[in-house]
């Protein structure tokens, strides 16, 4: 569970505190973020995408170097045949400057608060074009403490690894050498994750206690949906519970048929209840030896007849729901899921029904950005967050409960939001398109005069 995220000089966020706690001791497991276009809602989501990329960076670089050059050159041509993880590698490649505020000399700082097994902790990172400070505070032995602290002063790297976490003295020395070689370009979390990924897992787990492993697993287990795609890397054991490489079509081994059937059953329940014309959802299966080729079909009532429609030619809104479906299931099963623009291309009423149906069943955490104001009428105020911007471009994000305004049925949150009481809404009432039309006309006339002058 994410409890807070504070950032300085991160993209358009100069200095922002995002507190996800419902009460002092309880964290919100569902949050809907509102704000006007361009206010920085996507950058809030990018905070979590950055955390995953940061942790994945060393593994990503190694995997990219292992991909044959001819495959990377032909990636667009063979997109559907590539495993999802390979398709995402280009998105996961680490570039610190991509997350820095433009024309900013001061470093970027981010602090993530989290709760694992009811124990609080935080992870802190400071960077410019490389990492210059990093620390993790969590359960170290029987009490909370710093698991590691690493800083860079000039060319010198100061490093402190907690002896209650890094148990083997010989392995500790090896980690120190790894830090000297790679830290800065990569975070220490990334270096430890690479050790787990590359080395014998039992060897690593015997030399590093589980608390730092738990933090890495939680980070890599998050699902982050942004416009550039889905970022999610997680262990095989969890993938096998419910994940298909592609929910719409692809190939699986014959022994994974139960996974496919379970997914089919869930999709069937969801779409037949959510759509009036969908009567059944089913996978078309072709078996070839030990491989199953599957493709998702919707059986829809059209003109009094049931028609079989492949999902690949369905509407943009339905395809959007399919893209997000596995993520929503993840929130039900205890994962942290962050989705940007969840309602993009989806009818307001359908999205309202989806959110209200799933909200109380979430065992993990679901954080969304949205423009669906119908939700404002029905969501508790602690679930609604407004990202507002002042005239100096400073961002503030608060839940409605922080405003101390009494919300009633005849004066609900939606009405108050439209009145501008919470900010996060366009302040311009009227755009003079007539003036725009004349500006275009003047431009056209000036161009014509220039042509006439050239002729003369």
Protein backbone atom coordinates (compact mmCIF):
# COMPACT_ATOMS: atom_id res chain seq x y z
CA UNK A 1 0.00 0.00 0.00
CA UNK A 2 1.27 3.46 -0.91
CA UNK A 3 0.73 5.86 2.02
CA UNK A 4 2.20 9.04 0.52
CA UNK A 5 4.40 10.39 -2.26
CA UNK A 6 6.23 13.72 -1.90
CA UNK A 7 8.13 15.19 -4.85
CA UNK A 8 10.26 18.24 -5.66
CA UNK A 9 11.22 19.31 -9.18
CA UNK A 10 9.58 16.27 -10.74
CA UNK A 11 8.34 17.19 -14.22
CA UNK A 12 5.70 19.93 -13.67
CA UNK A 13 5.51 19.27 -9.92
CA UNK A 14 7.64 21.87 -8.14
CA UNK A 15 6.85 20.78 -4.59
CA UNK A 16 3.90 18.50 -3.93
CA UNK A 17 2.68 16.26 -1.10
CA UNK A 18 0.28 13.46 -2.03
CA UNK A 19 -1.12 11.96 1.18
CA UNK A 20 -3.10 8.78 0.58
CA UNK A 21 -4.12 8.16 4.18
CA UNK A 22 -7.82 8.07 5.04
CA UNK A 23 -7.09 8.41 8.76
CA UNK A 24 -3.93 8.40 10.84
CA UNK A 25 -3.82 4.61 10.90
CA UNK A 26 -5.74 3.68 7.74
CA UNK A 27 -4.73 4.11 4.10
CA UNK A 28 -7.17 4.76 1.26
CA UNK A 29 -7.50 1.71 -0.97
CA UNK A 30 -9.34 3.72 -3.65
CA UNK A 31 -8.57 7.24 -4.85
CA UNK A 32 -10.01 9.19 -7.79
CA UNK A 33 -7.93 12.22 -8.83
CA UNK A 34 -9.60 15.18 -10.57
CA UNK A 35 -8.06 18.26 -12.15
CA UNK A 36 -8.23 20.41 -15.24
CA UNK A 37 -6.41 19.41 -18.43
CA UNK A 38 -2.68 19.99 -18.16
CA UNK A 39 -2.77 20.29 -14.37
CA UNK A 40 -0.32 17.41 -13.87
CA UNK A 41 -2.57 14.42 -13.12
CA UNK A 42 -0.51 12.22 -15.46
CA UNK A 43 2.65 13.35 -13.68
CA UNK A 44 1.20 12.04 -10.41
CA UNK A 45 0.85 8.65 -12.13
CA UNK A 46 4.36 9.01 -13.59
CA UNK A 47 5.73 9.22 -10.03
CA UNK A 48 4.92 5.52 -9.67
CA UNK A 49 6.00 4.61 -13.19
CA UNK A 50 9.38 6.20 -12.35
CA UNK A 51 9.71 4.06 -9.21
CA UNK A 52 9.25 0.88 -11.25
CA UNK A 53 11.61 2.00 -14.00
CA UNK A 54 14.19 2.97 -11.40
CA UNK A 55 14.05 -0.50 -9.84
CA UNK A 56 14.01 -2.28 -13.21
CA UNK A 57 16.74 -0.21 -14.91
CA UNK A 58 19.75 -2.54 -14.57
CA UNK A 59 17.76 -5.62 -15.63
CA UNK A 60 16.24 -3.67 -18.53
CA UNK A 61 19.61 -2.62 -19.92
CA UNK A 62 20.97 -6.17 -19.74
CA UNK A 63 17.87 -7.61 -21.44
CA UNK A 64 17.97 -4.99 -24.21
CA UNK A 65 21.61 -5.87 -24.90
CA UNK A 66 20.64 -9.55 -25.17
CA UNK A 67 17.95 -8.93 -27.80
CA UNK A 68 19.35 -9.67 -31.27
CA UNK A 69 19.75 -6.51 -33.33
CA UNK A 70 17.61 -7.92 -36.15
CA UNK A 71 14.69 -8.44 -33.72
CA UNK A 72 14.86 -4.90 -32.34
CA UNK A 73 15.00 -3.54 -35.90
CA UNK A 74 11.92 -5.57 -36.91
CA UNK A 75 10.02 -4.95 -33.65
CA UNK A 76 7.15 -3.10 -35.36
CA UNK A 77 6.79 -5.84 -38.00
CA UNK A 78 6.57 -8.69 -35.48
CA UNK A 79 4.86 -6.78 -32.65
CA UNK A 80 2.22 -9.43 -31.97
CA UNK A 81 4.75 -12.27 -31.77
CA UNK A 82 6.98 -10.53 -29.22
CA UNK A 83 6.47 -11.31 -25.54
CA UNK A 84 4.87 -8.43 -23.68
CA UNK A 85 7.98 -7.93 -21.51
CA UNK A 86 10.20 -7.39 -24.58
CA UNK A 87 7.69 -4.95 -26.11
CA UNK A 88 7.86 -2.89 -22.93
CA UNK A 89 11.64 -2.73 -22.64
CA UNK A 90 11.89 0.45 -24.72
CA UNK A 91 9.35 2.06 -22.38
CA UNK A 92 11.30 0.94 -19.31
CA UNK A 93 14.69 2.23 -20.42
CA UNK A 94 15.86 4.68 -17.75
CA UNK A 95 16.40 8.36 -18.54
CA UNK A 96 16.55 10.51 -15.41
CA UNK A 97 16.26 13.79 -17.30
CA UNK A 98 12.89 12.66 -18.67
CA UNK A 99 11.52 13.04 -15.13
CA UNK A 100 13.27 16.29 -14.22
CA UNK A 101 11.63 19.70 -14.24
CA UNK A 102 12.69 21.55 -17.40
CA UNK A 103 15.46 24.17 -16.95
CA UNK A 104 15.86 23.30 -13.27
CA UNK A 105 19.31 23.34 -11.65
CA UNK A 106 18.26 21.91 -8.29
CA UNK A 107 18.07 18.09 -7.99
CA UNK A 108 14.80 16.17 -8.12
CA UNK A 109 13.74 14.55 -4.83
CA UNK A 110 11.02 11.95 -4.25
CA UNK A 111 9.96 10.23 -1.04
CA UNK A 112 7.55 7.29 -1.17
CA UNK A 113 5.77 6.16 1.98
CA UNK A 114 4.49 2.59 2.06
CA UNK A 115 2.95 -0.04 4.30
CA UNK A 116 3.85 -3.73 4.03
CA UNK A 117 2.48 -6.31 6.48
CA UNK A 118 1.13 -3.40 8.58
CA UNK A 119 4.66 -1.99 8.95
CA UNK A 120 5.39 1.55 7.73
CA UNK A 121 8.47 2.56 5.81
CA UNK A 122 9.72 4.97 3.14
CA UNK A 123 12.06 5.07 0.18
CA UNK A 124 13.91 8.28 -0.75
CA UNK A 125 15.70 9.09 -4.01
CA UNK A 126 17.52 12.26 -5.11
CA UNK A 127 18.86 12.68 -8.63
CA UNK A 128 19.85 15.03 -11.45
CA UNK A 129 21.11 13.19 -14.54
CA UNK A 130 22.10 10.36 -12.18
CA UNK A 131 21.33 9.20 -8.65
CA UNK A 132 23.09 11.26 -5.96
CA UNK A 133 21.29 10.06 -2.81
CA UNK A 134 19.20 7.02 -1.93
CA UNK A 135 17.91 5.46 1.28
CA UNK A 136 15.36 2.91 2.44
CA UNK A 137 13.74 2.97 5.89
CA UNK A 138 11.79 -0.09 6.97
CA UNK A 139 11.83 -3.02 9.35
CA UNK A 140 15.47 -3.90 10.05
CA UNK A 141 15.54 -6.85 12.39
CA UNK A 142 12.93 -6.32 15.13
CA UNK A 143 12.77 -2.52 14.84
CA UNK A 144 12.48 0.05 12.08
CA UNK A 145 15.69 1.56 10.80
CA UNK A 146 17.62 2.44 7.65
CA UNK A 147 18.22 -0.66 5.54
CA UNK A 148 20.72 1.30 3.47
CA UNK A 149 21.89 4.89 2.95
CA UNK A 150 24.03 5.88 -0.04
CA UNK A 151 25.12 9.40 -1.04
CA UNK A 152 27.54 10.89 -3.52
CA UNK A 153 29.77 13.84 -2.65
CA UNK A 154 31.91 14.85 -5.59
CA UNK A 155 33.46 11.61 -6.81
CA UNK A 156 33.18 9.86 -3.43
CA UNK A 157 30.33 7.44 -2.70
CA UNK A 158 29.39 7.12 0.97
CA UNK A 159 27.60 3.85 1.62
CA UNK A 160 26.04 2.29 4.67
CA UNK A 161 24.37 -1.14 4.56
CA UNK A 162 22.50 -2.36 7.65
CA UNK A 163 24.14 -5.50 9.05
CA UNK A 164 20.70 -6.84 10.06
CA UNK A 165 19.72 -6.86 6.38
CA UNK A 166 22.93 -7.81 4.58
CA UNK A 167 23.95 -10.81 6.65
CA UNK A 168 26.97 -12.29 4.93
CA UNK A 169 30.18 -10.25 5.32
CA UNK A 170 31.70 -11.60 2.12
CA UNK A 171 28.55 -10.85 0.12
CA UNK A 172 28.42 -7.41 1.78
CA UNK A 173 31.88 -6.67 0.36
CA UNK A 174 30.72 -7.76 -3.07
CA UNK A 175 27.73 -5.40 -2.87
CA UNK A 176 30.08 -2.57 -1.92
CA UNK A 177 32.10 -3.28 -5.08
CA UNK A 178 28.91 -3.35 -7.16
CA UNK A 179 27.90 0.04 -5.74
CA UNK A 180 31.30 1.52 -6.65
CA UNK A 181 30.96 0.22 -10.22
CA UNK A 182 27.30 0.89 -11.04
CA UNK A 183 25.58 3.11 -8.47
CA UNK A 184 24.61 6.53 -9.84
CA UNK A 185 23.68 5.22 -13.24
CA UNK A 186 21.50 2.70 -11.36
CA UNK A 187 19.79 2.85 -8.00
CA UNK A 188 20.78 0.38 -5.28
CA UNK A 189 17.28 -1.13 -5.45
CA UNK A 190 17.96 -1.78 -9.14
CA UNK A 191 21.30 -3.43 -8.34
CA UNK A 192 19.72 -5.72 -5.73
CA UNK A 193 16.87 -6.59 -8.09
CA UNK A 194 19.43 -7.48 -10.76
CA UNK A 195 21.16 -9.80 -8.27
CA UNK A 196 17.83 -11.56 -7.69
CA UNK A 197 17.09 -11.68 -11.42
CA UNK A 198 20.54 -12.81 -12.58
CA UNK A 199 21.88 -14.97 -9.74
CA UNK A 200 20.65 -18.08 -7.95
CA UNK A 201 17.65 -16.81 -5.98
CA UNK A 202 18.30 -19.07 -2.99
CA UNK A 203 21.87 -17.74 -2.77
CA UNK A 204 20.66 -14.11 -2.76
CA UNK A 205 17.81 -14.77 -0.32
CA UNK A 206 20.21 -16.49 2.09
CA UNK A 207 22.47 -13.45 2.11
CA UNK A 208 19.86 -10.66 2.18
CA UNK A 209 16.96 -10.79 4.63
CA UNK A 210 13.44 -10.76 3.29
CA UNK A 211 12.51 -7.18 4.24
CA UNK A 212 14.34 -5.55 1.34
CA UNK A 213 13.08 -8.32 -0.96
CA UNK A 214 9.51 -7.54 0.15
CA UNK A 215 9.93 -3.89 -0.82
CA UNK A 216 11.26 -4.79 -4.28
CA UNK A 217 8.47 -7.31 -4.88
CA UNK A 218 5.84 -4.72 -3.93
CA UNK A 219 7.34 -2.15 -6.30
CA UNK A 220 7.61 -4.58 -9.20
CA UNK A 221 4.11 -5.92 -8.48
CA UNK A 222 2.44 -2.56 -9.05
CA UNK A 223 0.54 -2.05 -12.29
CA UNK A 224 0.87 1.45 -13.76
CA UNK A 225 -1.27 2.39 -16.79
CA UNK A 226 -0.08 5.49 -18.63
CA UNK A 227 -0.63 6.69 -22.20
CA UNK A 228 2.64 5.09 -23.28
CA UNK A 229 1.49 1.64 -22.21
CA UNK A 230 1.30 -0.59 -19.17
CA UNK A 231 4.29 -0.91 -16.91
CA UNK A 232 4.26 -4.13 -14.92
CA UNK A 233 7.00 -6.60 -14.18
CA UNK A 234 6.28 -9.30 -11.62
CA UNK A 235 7.41 -12.77 -10.62
CA UNK A 236 6.26 -15.81 -12.60
CA UNK A 237 4.41 -17.26 -9.60
CA UNK A 238 2.03 -14.31 -9.48
CA UNK A 239 1.71 -14.10 -13.26
CA UNK A 240 0.49 -17.68 -13.40
CA UNK A 241 -2.35 -16.92 -11.01
CA UNK A 242 -4.30 -14.86 -13.49
CA UNK A 243 -2.14 -13.23 -16.14
CA UNK A 244 -2.07 -13.88 -19.85
CA UNK A 245 0.57 -12.20 -22.00
CA UNK A 246 -2.35 -10.79 -23.99
CA UNK A 247 -5.92 -10.99 -22.70
CA UNK A 248 -7.37 -10.84 -26.23
CA UNK A 249 -5.28 -13.33 -28.20
CA UNK A 250 -2.01 -15.22 -28.15
CA UNK A 251 -0.39 -18.56 -27.36
CA UNK A 252 -0.15 -20.54 -24.12
CA UNK A 253 1.03 -23.99 -23.12
CA UNK A 254 -1.63 -26.68 -22.90
CA UNK A 255 -1.23 -26.99 -19.13
CA UNK A 256 -2.27 -23.33 -18.76
CA UNK A 257 -5.79 -23.98 -20.07
CA UNK A 258 -7.23 -23.51 -16.56
CA UNK A 259 -5.84 -19.96 -16.50
CA UNK A 260 -7.57 -19.24 -19.81
CA UNK A 261 -10.88 -20.74 -18.64
CA UNK A 262 -10.79 -18.75 -15.40
CA UNK A 263 -10.16 -15.55 -17.33
CA UNK A 264 -12.98 -16.42 -19.75
CA UNK A 265 -15.38 -16.95 -16.85
CA UNK A 266 -14.56 -13.59 -15.26
CA UNK A 267 -14.84 -11.73 -18.58
CA UNK A 268 -18.16 -13.44 -19.27
CA UNK A 269 -19.64 -12.33 -15.93
CA UNK A 270 -18.38 -8.76 -16.35
CA UNK A 271 -19.41 -8.07 -19.95
CA UNK A 272 -22.79 -9.85 -19.92
CA UNK A 273 -23.76 -7.81 -16.86
CA UNK A 274 -22.27 -4.53 -18.11
CA UNK A 275 -23.50 -4.60 -21.74
CA UNK A 276 -27.11 -5.16 -22.81
CA UNK A 277 -26.22 -6.67 -26.21
CA UNK A 278 -23.40 -9.01 -25.13
CA UNK A 279 -24.78 -12.47 -24.40
CA UNK A 280 -21.57 -14.43 -24.02
CA UNK A 281 -17.79 -13.93 -24.00
CA UNK A 282 -15.72 -16.87 -25.13
CA UNK A 283 -12.24 -17.80 -26.30
CA UNK A 284 -11.88 -19.51 -29.66
CA UNK A 285 -9.24 -22.20 -29.10
CA UNK A 286 -7.05 -24.04 -31.62
CA UNK A 287 -4.83 -26.80 -30.19
CA UNK A 288 -1.53 -27.70 -31.84
CA UNK A 289 0.36 -30.38 -29.92
CA UNK A 290 1.21 -28.81 -26.55
CA UNK A 291 0.39 -25.22 -27.64
CA UNK A 292 -3.01 -23.48 -27.58
CA UNK A 293 -3.77 -20.57 -29.89
CA UNK A 294 -6.57 -18.46 -28.34
CA UNK A 295 -8.62 -15.45 -29.45
CA UNK A 296 -11.39 -13.63 -27.57
CA UNK A 297 -14.86 -13.31 -29.15
CA UNK A 298 -17.99 -11.42 -28.11
CA UNK A 299 -21.33 -13.03 -28.91
CA UNK A 300 -23.64 -10.05 -29.45
CA UNK A 301 -27.30 -9.61 -30.29
CA UNK A 302 -27.46 -7.67 -33.56
CA UNK A 303 -30.74 -7.26 -35.44
CA UNK A 304 -32.34 -10.16 -33.59
CA UNK A 305 -29.46 -12.56 -34.26
CA UNK A 306 -26.40 -13.58 -32.23
CA UNK A 307 -23.23 -12.57 -34.06
CA UNK A 308 -19.71 -13.70 -33.20
CA UNK A 309 -17.43 -10.63 -33.06
CA UNK A 310 -13.64 -10.89 -32.55
CA UNK A 311 -12.46 -8.52 -29.84
CA UNK A 312 -9.86 -6.98 -32.16
CA UNK A 313 -12.63 -5.22 -34.17
CA UNK A 314 -14.64 -4.11 -31.14
CA UNK A 315 -15.15 -0.42 -30.27
CA UNK A 316 -12.33 1.70 -28.85
CA UNK A 317 -14.16 1.92 -25.51
CA UNK A 318 -14.53 -1.86 -25.18
CA UNK A 319 -10.89 -2.37 -26.18
CA UNK A 320 -9.91 0.20 -23.56
CA UNK A 321 -11.79 -1.76 -20.88
CA UNK A 322 -10.05 -4.97 -21.99
CA UNK A 323 -6.67 -3.25 -21.69
CA UNK A 324 -7.42 -2.28 -18.10
CA UNK A 325 -9.26 -5.43 -17.07
CA UNK A 326 -6.30 -7.39 -15.74
CA UNK A 327 -5.22 -4.34 -13.75
CA UNK A 328 -8.64 -4.02 -12.12
CA UNK A 329 -8.56 -7.72 -11.25
CA UNK A 330 -5.16 -7.10 -9.68
CA UNK A 331 -6.65 -4.48 -7.34
CA UNK A 332 -9.23 -7.05 -6.25
CA UNK A 333 -6.46 -9.56 -5.50
CA UNK A 334 -4.36 -7.26 -3.34
CA UNK A 335 -2.11 -5.40 -5.80
CA UNK A 336 -1.45 -1.67 -6.09
CA UNK A 337 -2.86 -0.42 -9.40
CA UNK A 338 -2.54 3.12 -10.81
CA UNK A 339 -4.44 4.03 -14.00
CA UNK A 340 -4.25 7.35 -15.83
CA UNK A 341 -7.37 8.62 -17.64
CA UNK A 342 -9.36 5.52 -16.75
CA UNK A 343 -12.52 6.86 -18.44
CA UNK A 344 -10.87 7.68 -21.77
CA UNK A 345 -13.25 6.43 -24.50
CA UNK A 346 -15.63 4.80 -21.98
CA UNK A 347 -19.20 6.02 -21.36
CA UNK A 348 -19.57 7.96 -18.09
CA UNK A 349 -22.42 5.78 -16.82
CA UNK A 350 -20.60 2.51 -17.60
CA UNK A 351 -17.43 3.74 -15.89
CA UNK A 352 -19.42 4.92 -12.88
CA UNK A 353 -21.02 1.46 -12.63
CA UNK A 354 -17.65 -0.29 -12.94
CA UNK A 355 -16.05 1.84 -10.22
CA UNK A 356 -18.98 1.56 -7.83
CA UNK A 357 -19.09 -2.22 -8.35
CA UNK A 358 -15.39 -2.73 -7.73
CA UNK A 359 -14.74 -0.10 -5.04
CA UNK A 360 -15.80 -2.08 -1.97
CA UNK A 361 -14.22 -5.31 -3.24
CA UNK A 362 -10.69 -3.91 -3.52
CA UNK A 363 -8.23 -5.71 -1.25
CA UNK A 364 -5.21 -3.92 -2.70
CA UNK A 365 -5.15 -0.31 -3.85
CA UNK A 366 -6.61 1.42 -6.91
CA UNK A 367 -5.57 4.97 -7.83
CA UNK A 368 -7.10 6.57 -10.92
CA UNK A 369 -7.19 9.92 -12.69
CA UNK A 370 -10.54 10.77 -14.21
CA UNK A 371 -12.84 13.45 -15.64
CA UNK A 372 -16.00 11.47 -14.85
CA UNK A 373 -17.92 13.90 -12.65
CA UNK A 374 -20.79 11.42 -12.11
CA UNK A 375 -18.55 9.72 -9.57
CA UNK A 376 -18.48 12.91 -7.51
CA UNK A 377 -22.15 12.37 -6.68
CA UNK A 378 -21.64 8.92 -5.16
CA UNK A 379 -18.07 8.58 -3.87
CA UNK A 380 -17.21 9.32 -0.22
CA UNK A 381 -15.27 12.57 0.04
CA UNK A 382 -12.14 10.83 1.38
CA UNK A 383 -11.90 8.94 -1.96
CA UNK A 384 -11.99 12.14 -4.04
CA UNK A 385 -8.77 14.10 -4.58
CA UNK A 386 -8.46 17.43 -6.42
CA UNK A 387 -5.22 18.52 -8.09
CA UNK A 388 -5.33 22.30 -8.39
CA UNK A 389 -2.87 24.86 -9.75
CA UNK A 390 -2.42 28.46 -8.61
CA UNK A 391 -1.40 31.40 -10.82
CA UNK A 392 2.28 30.73 -10.09
CA UNK A 393 1.94 27.17 -11.36
CA UNK A 394 2.24 25.57 -7.91
CA UNK A 395 0.33 22.28 -7.52
CA UNK A 396 -1.67 21.11 -4.53
CA UNK A 397 -3.46 17.77 -4.19
CA UNK A 398 -5.93 17.19 -1.36
CA UNK A 399 -8.91 14.98 -0.63
CA UNK A 400 -12.30 16.66 -0.26
CA UNK A 401 -12.31 15.86 3.47
CA UNK A 402 -9.34 18.23 3.88
CA UNK A 403 -11.47 21.19 2.76
CA UNK A 404 -13.78 20.91 5.76
CA UNK A 405 -16.86 21.64 3.63
CA UNK A 406 -20.11 19.92 4.55
CA UNK A 407 -21.45 17.94 1.60
CA UNK A 408 -25.19 17.24 1.40
CA UNK A 409 -27.54 15.62 -1.09
CA UNK A 410 -28.84 18.98 -2.32
CA UNK A 411 -25.32 20.43 -2.38
CA UNK A 412 -23.21 17.47 -3.47
CA UNK A 413 -19.52 17.33 -4.34
CA UNK A 414 -20.23 17.53 -8.07
CA UNK A 415 -22.14 20.82 -7.70
CA UNK A 416 -19.45 22.28 -5.44
CA UNK A 417 -16.71 21.16 -7.85
CA UNK A 418 -18.45 22.87 -10.79
CA UNK A 419 -18.73 26.05 -8.70
CA UNK A 420 -14.93 26.01 -8.35
CA UNK A 421 -14.83 25.60 -4.56
CA UNK A 422 -12.05 23.02 -4.74
CA UNK A 423 -10.14 24.30 -7.77
CA UNK A 424 -9.03 21.77 -10.39
CA UNK A 425 -11.51 23.04 -12.96
CA UNK A 426 -11.05 25.28 -16.03
CA UNK A 427 -11.50 28.94 -15.01
CA UNK A 428 -12.20 30.26 -18.51
CA UNK A 429 -15.94 30.53 -19.19
CA UNK A 430 -15.73 31.64 -22.82
CA UNK A 431 -13.26 31.27 -25.68
CA UNK A 432 -13.71 33.83 -28.46
CA UNK A 433 -13.59 31.70 -31.61
CA UNK A 434 -14.70 34.71 -33.64
CA UNK A 435 -11.42 36.39 -32.73
CA UNK A 436 -9.60 33.20 -33.72
CA UNK A 437 -11.46 33.21 -37.05
CA UNK A 438 -10.40 36.79 -37.77
CA UNK A 439 -6.81 36.01 -36.78
CA UNK A 440 -6.82 33.16 -39.30
CA UNK A 441 -8.37 35.48 -41.92
CA UNK A 442 -5.71 38.14 -41.29
CA UNK A 443 -3.01 35.51 -41.64
CA UNK A 444 -4.52 34.36 -44.95
CA UNK A 445 -4.83 37.96 -46.24
CA UNK A 446 -1.24 38.78 -45.24
CA UNK A 447 -0.03 35.68 -47.06
CA UNK A 448 -1.94 36.74 -50.17
CA UNK A 449 -0.40 40.27 -50.00
CA UNK A 450 3.10 38.76 -49.74
CA UNK A 451 2.44 36.63 -52.84
CA UNK A 452 1.14 39.68 -54.77
CA UNK A 453 4.20 41.72 -53.79
CA UNK A 454 6.52 38.96 -54.94
CA UNK A 455 4.70 38.82 -58.29
CA UNK A 456 5.01 42.56 -58.76
